[in-house]
């Protein structure tokens, strides 16, 4: 279980740097999530949404490649 968690943290760390920096308010941010959904994923999505809001990005695309994950975490993301 710890090994899976560490792998997820590593993947999310790499994904954080894949979020393109927007240069103006007409930009689009692509947020990619790969792997199981868990609490770290929720934190990543929340931080990315705040980043998009602070840059006044009109569109954020959430691209998911996941087998699923924790129900509570998935619901938190949906409610965002």
N, C-alpha and C. Protein backbone atom coordinates (compact mmCIF):
# COMPACT_ATOMS: atom_id res chain seq x y z
N UNK A 1 0.83 -1.19 0.00
CA UNK A 1 0.00 0.00 0.00
C UNK A 1 0.87 1.25 0.00
N UNK A 2 1.93 1.25 0.81
CA UNK A 2 2.83 2.39 0.87
C UNK A 2 3.52 2.59 -0.48
N UNK A 3 3.87 1.48 -1.12
CA UNK A 3 4.53 1.57 -2.43
C UNK A 3 3.61 2.25 -3.44
N UNK A 4 2.34 1.88 -3.46
CA UNK A 4 1.38 2.49 -4.37
C UNK A 4 1.23 3.98 -4.09
N UNK A 5 1.17 4.34 -2.81
CA UNK A 5 1.03 5.74 -2.43
C UNK A 5 2.24 6.55 -2.90
N UNK A 6 3.44 6.01 -2.71
CA UNK A 6 4.65 6.72 -3.13
C UNK A 6 4.70 6.86 -4.65
N UNK A 7 4.26 5.83 -5.36
CA UNK A 7 4.21 5.91 -6.82
C UNK A 7 3.23 6.99 -7.25
N UNK A 8 2.07 7.04 -6.60
CA UNK A 8 1.06 8.06 -6.92
C UNK A 8 1.61 9.46 -6.67
N UNK A 9 2.29 9.65 -5.55
CA UNK A 9 2.88 10.95 -5.24
C UNK A 9 3.90 11.33 -6.31
N UNK A 10 4.70 10.36 -6.75
CA UNK A 10 5.69 10.63 -7.80
C UNK A 10 5.04 11.02 -9.11
N UNK A 11 3.99 10.31 -9.48
CA UNK A 11 3.27 10.63 -10.72
C UNK A 11 2.67 12.01 -10.63
N UNK A 12 2.05 12.32 -9.50
CA UNK A 12 1.43 13.64 -9.35
C UNK A 12 2.47 14.75 -9.36
N UNK A 13 3.64 14.48 -8.83
CA UNK A 13 4.71 15.47 -8.87
C UNK A 13 5.12 15.78 -10.30
N UNK A 14 5.22 14.74 -11.12
CA UNK A 14 5.55 14.94 -12.53
C UNK A 14 4.42 15.67 -13.24
N UNK A 15 3.19 15.30 -12.95
CA UNK A 15 2.05 15.92 -13.62
C UNK A 15 1.93 17.40 -13.28
N UNK A 16 2.33 17.79 -12.09
CA UNK A 16 2.22 19.19 -11.70
C UNK A 16 2.99 20.08 -12.67
N UNK A 17 4.12 19.58 -13.17
CA UNK A 17 4.93 20.38 -14.09
C UNK A 17 4.40 20.33 -15.51
N UNK A 18 3.40 19.50 -15.79
CA UNK A 18 2.80 19.44 -17.11
C UNK A 18 1.73 20.50 -17.31
N UNK A 19 1.30 21.15 -16.24
CA UNK A 19 0.28 22.19 -16.37
C UNK A 19 0.93 23.40 -17.02
N UNK A 20 0.48 23.78 -18.21
CA UNK A 20 1.12 24.90 -18.90
C UNK A 20 0.82 26.23 -18.22
N UNK A 21 1.80 27.10 -18.23
CA UNK A 21 1.60 28.43 -17.68
C UNK A 21 0.84 29.26 -18.70
N UNK A 22 -0.24 29.87 -18.27
CA UNK A 22 -1.01 30.69 -19.19
C UNK A 22 -0.40 32.08 -19.24
N UNK A 23 -0.46 32.69 -20.41
CA UNK A 23 0.14 34.00 -20.59
C UNK A 23 -0.90 35.11 -20.66
N UNK A 24 -2.14 34.75 -20.90
CA UNK A 24 -3.20 35.76 -20.93
C UNK A 24 -4.52 35.11 -20.54
N UNK A 25 -5.56 35.92 -20.46
CA UNK A 25 -6.84 35.42 -19.99
C UNK A 25 -7.57 34.56 -21.01
N UNK A 26 -7.04 34.43 -22.22
CA UNK A 26 -7.72 33.60 -23.22
C UNK A 26 -7.09 32.22 -23.33
N UNK A 27 -6.27 31.84 -22.37
CA UNK A 27 -5.59 30.55 -22.40
C UNK A 27 -6.48 29.42 -21.90
N UNK A 28 -6.04 28.22 -22.22
CA UNK A 28 -6.70 27.00 -21.76
C UNK A 28 -5.65 26.18 -21.01
N UNK A 29 -6.03 25.61 -19.87
CA UNK A 29 -5.13 24.75 -19.12
C UNK A 29 -5.63 23.32 -19.25
N UNK A 30 -4.71 22.41 -19.60
CA UNK A 30 -5.01 20.99 -19.67
C UNK A 30 -4.44 20.35 -18.41
N UNK A 31 -5.31 19.76 -17.62
CA UNK A 31 -4.92 19.10 -16.37
C UNK A 31 -5.07 17.61 -16.59
N UNK A 32 -3.93 16.89 -16.59
CA UNK A 32 -3.95 15.45 -16.81
C UNK A 32 -3.81 14.71 -15.49
N UNK A 33 -4.67 13.74 -15.28
CA UNK A 33 -4.61 12.88 -14.10
C UNK A 33 -4.49 11.45 -14.59
N UNK A 34 -3.39 10.79 -14.19
CA UNK A 34 -3.15 9.40 -14.59
C UNK A 34 -2.97 8.58 -13.32
N UNK A 35 -3.60 7.42 -13.29
CA UNK A 35 -3.46 6.54 -12.14
C UNK A 35 -4.66 6.60 -11.22
N UNK A 36 -4.61 5.85 -10.13
CA UNK A 36 -5.73 5.79 -9.19
C UNK A 36 -6.01 7.14 -8.52
N UNK A 37 -7.28 7.38 -8.23
CA UNK A 37 -7.70 8.62 -7.58
C UNK A 37 -7.60 8.43 -6.06
N UNK A 38 -6.99 9.39 -5.40
CA UNK A 38 -6.86 9.34 -3.94
C UNK A 38 -6.78 10.76 -3.39
N UNK A 39 -6.50 10.91 -2.11
CA UNK A 39 -6.42 12.23 -1.49
C UNK A 39 -5.39 13.15 -2.14
N UNK A 40 -4.27 12.61 -2.57
CA UNK A 40 -3.25 13.44 -3.22
C UNK A 40 -3.77 13.99 -4.55
N UNK A 41 -4.58 13.20 -5.24
CA UNK A 41 -5.17 13.65 -6.50
C UNK A 41 -6.12 14.81 -6.25
N UNK A 42 -6.91 14.71 -5.19
CA UNK A 42 -7.84 15.78 -4.84
C UNK A 42 -7.06 17.07 -4.60
N UNK A 43 -5.97 16.98 -3.85
CA UNK A 43 -5.15 18.15 -3.56
C UNK A 43 -4.58 18.74 -4.85
N UNK A 44 -4.11 17.89 -5.73
CA UNK A 44 -3.56 18.33 -7.02
C UNK A 44 -4.61 19.06 -7.85
N UNK A 45 -5.81 18.50 -7.93
CA UNK A 45 -6.88 19.12 -8.71
C UNK A 45 -7.29 20.45 -8.08
N UNK A 46 -7.42 20.49 -6.76
CA UNK A 46 -7.80 21.73 -6.08
C UNK A 46 -6.76 22.83 -6.31
N UNK A 47 -5.47 22.49 -6.19
CA UNK A 47 -4.42 23.49 -6.42
C UNK A 47 -4.44 23.97 -7.87
N UNK A 48 -4.68 23.07 -8.79
CA UNK A 48 -4.73 23.44 -10.21
C UNK A 48 -5.92 24.34 -10.51
N UNK A 49 -7.06 24.06 -9.88
CA UNK A 49 -8.23 24.92 -10.06
C UNK A 49 -7.97 26.32 -9.51
N UNK A 50 -7.33 26.40 -8.35
CA UNK A 50 -6.99 27.70 -7.77
C UNK A 50 -6.02 28.45 -8.67
N UNK A 51 -5.07 27.73 -9.23
CA UNK A 51 -4.11 28.34 -10.16
C UNK A 51 -4.84 28.91 -11.37
N UNK A 52 -5.77 28.15 -11.92
CA UNK A 52 -6.54 28.61 -13.08
C UNK A 52 -7.38 29.83 -12.73
N UNK A 53 -7.99 29.82 -11.54
CA UNK A 53 -8.81 30.96 -11.12
C UNK A 53 -7.95 32.21 -10.93
N UNK A 54 -6.78 32.05 -10.33
CA UNK A 54 -5.92 33.21 -10.08
C UNK A 54 -5.40 33.82 -11.38
N UNK A 55 -5.28 33.00 -12.42
CA UNK A 55 -4.82 33.50 -13.72
C UNK A 55 -5.99 33.88 -14.62
N UNK A 56 -7.21 33.74 -14.08
CA UNK A 56 -8.43 34.06 -14.82
C UNK A 56 -8.51 33.28 -16.14
N UNK A 57 -8.14 32.02 -16.06
CA UNK A 57 -8.20 31.14 -17.23
C UNK A 57 -9.66 30.76 -17.47
N UNK A 58 -10.17 31.01 -18.66
CA UNK A 58 -11.59 30.75 -18.91
C UNK A 58 -11.94 29.27 -19.04
N UNK A 59 -10.94 28.41 -19.32
CA UNK A 59 -11.24 27.00 -19.55
C UNK A 59 -10.14 26.12 -18.98
N UNK A 60 -10.54 25.11 -18.21
CA UNK A 60 -9.62 24.10 -17.71
C UNK A 60 -10.18 22.75 -18.14
N UNK A 61 -9.38 21.99 -18.86
CA UNK A 61 -9.79 20.66 -19.31
C UNK A 61 -9.17 19.64 -18.38
N UNK A 62 -10.00 18.78 -17.80
CA UNK A 62 -9.54 17.72 -16.91
C UNK A 62 -9.57 16.41 -17.69
N UNK A 63 -8.38 15.91 -18.02
CA UNK A 63 -8.25 14.67 -18.78
C UNK A 63 -7.88 13.55 -17.82
N UNK A 64 -8.74 12.53 -17.73
CA UNK A 64 -8.54 11.44 -16.78
C UNK A 64 -8.16 10.15 -17.48
N UNK A 65 -7.12 9.50 -16.98
CA UNK A 65 -6.72 8.17 -17.41
C UNK A 65 -6.52 7.37 -16.13
N UNK A 66 -7.62 6.85 -15.60
CA UNK A 66 -7.59 6.25 -14.27
C UNK A 66 -8.50 5.02 -14.21
N UNK A 67 -8.08 4.03 -13.43
CA UNK A 67 -8.95 2.87 -13.22
C UNK A 67 -10.01 3.13 -12.15
N UNK A 68 -9.97 4.30 -11.55
CA UNK A 68 -10.91 4.63 -10.46
C UNK A 68 -10.11 4.99 -9.23
N UNK A 69 -10.67 4.69 -8.09
CA UNK A 69 -9.96 4.99 -6.85
C UNK A 69 -10.93 5.14 -5.70
N UNK A 70 -10.53 5.93 -4.74
CA UNK A 70 -11.35 6.12 -3.55
C UNK A 70 -12.61 6.92 -3.88
N UNK A 71 -13.73 6.39 -3.46
CA UNK A 71 -15.02 7.01 -3.73
C UNK A 71 -15.09 8.43 -3.17
N UNK A 72 -14.64 8.60 -1.94
CA UNK A 72 -14.71 9.92 -1.30
C UNK A 72 -13.86 10.94 -2.07
N UNK A 73 -12.69 10.53 -2.53
CA UNK A 73 -11.82 11.44 -3.28
C UNK A 73 -12.44 11.82 -4.61
N UNK A 74 -13.03 10.84 -5.29
CA UNK A 74 -13.66 11.13 -6.57
C UNK A 74 -14.83 12.10 -6.39
N UNK A 75 -15.59 11.92 -5.33
CA UNK A 75 -16.72 12.83 -5.07
C UNK A 75 -16.24 14.25 -4.77
N UNK A 76 -15.12 14.37 -4.05
CA UNK A 76 -14.57 15.71 -3.77
C UNK A 76 -14.18 16.42 -5.06
N UNK A 77 -13.57 15.69 -5.98
CA UNK A 77 -13.19 16.28 -7.26
C UNK A 77 -14.42 16.70 -8.04
N UNK A 78 -15.43 15.87 -8.06
CA UNK A 78 -16.66 16.18 -8.80
C UNK A 78 -17.31 17.44 -8.24
N UNK A 79 -17.28 17.61 -6.92
CA UNK A 79 -17.92 18.77 -6.29
C UNK A 79 -17.16 20.06 -6.54
N UNK A 80 -15.91 19.97 -6.93
CA UNK A 80 -15.13 21.17 -7.23
C UNK A 80 -15.65 21.78 -8.50
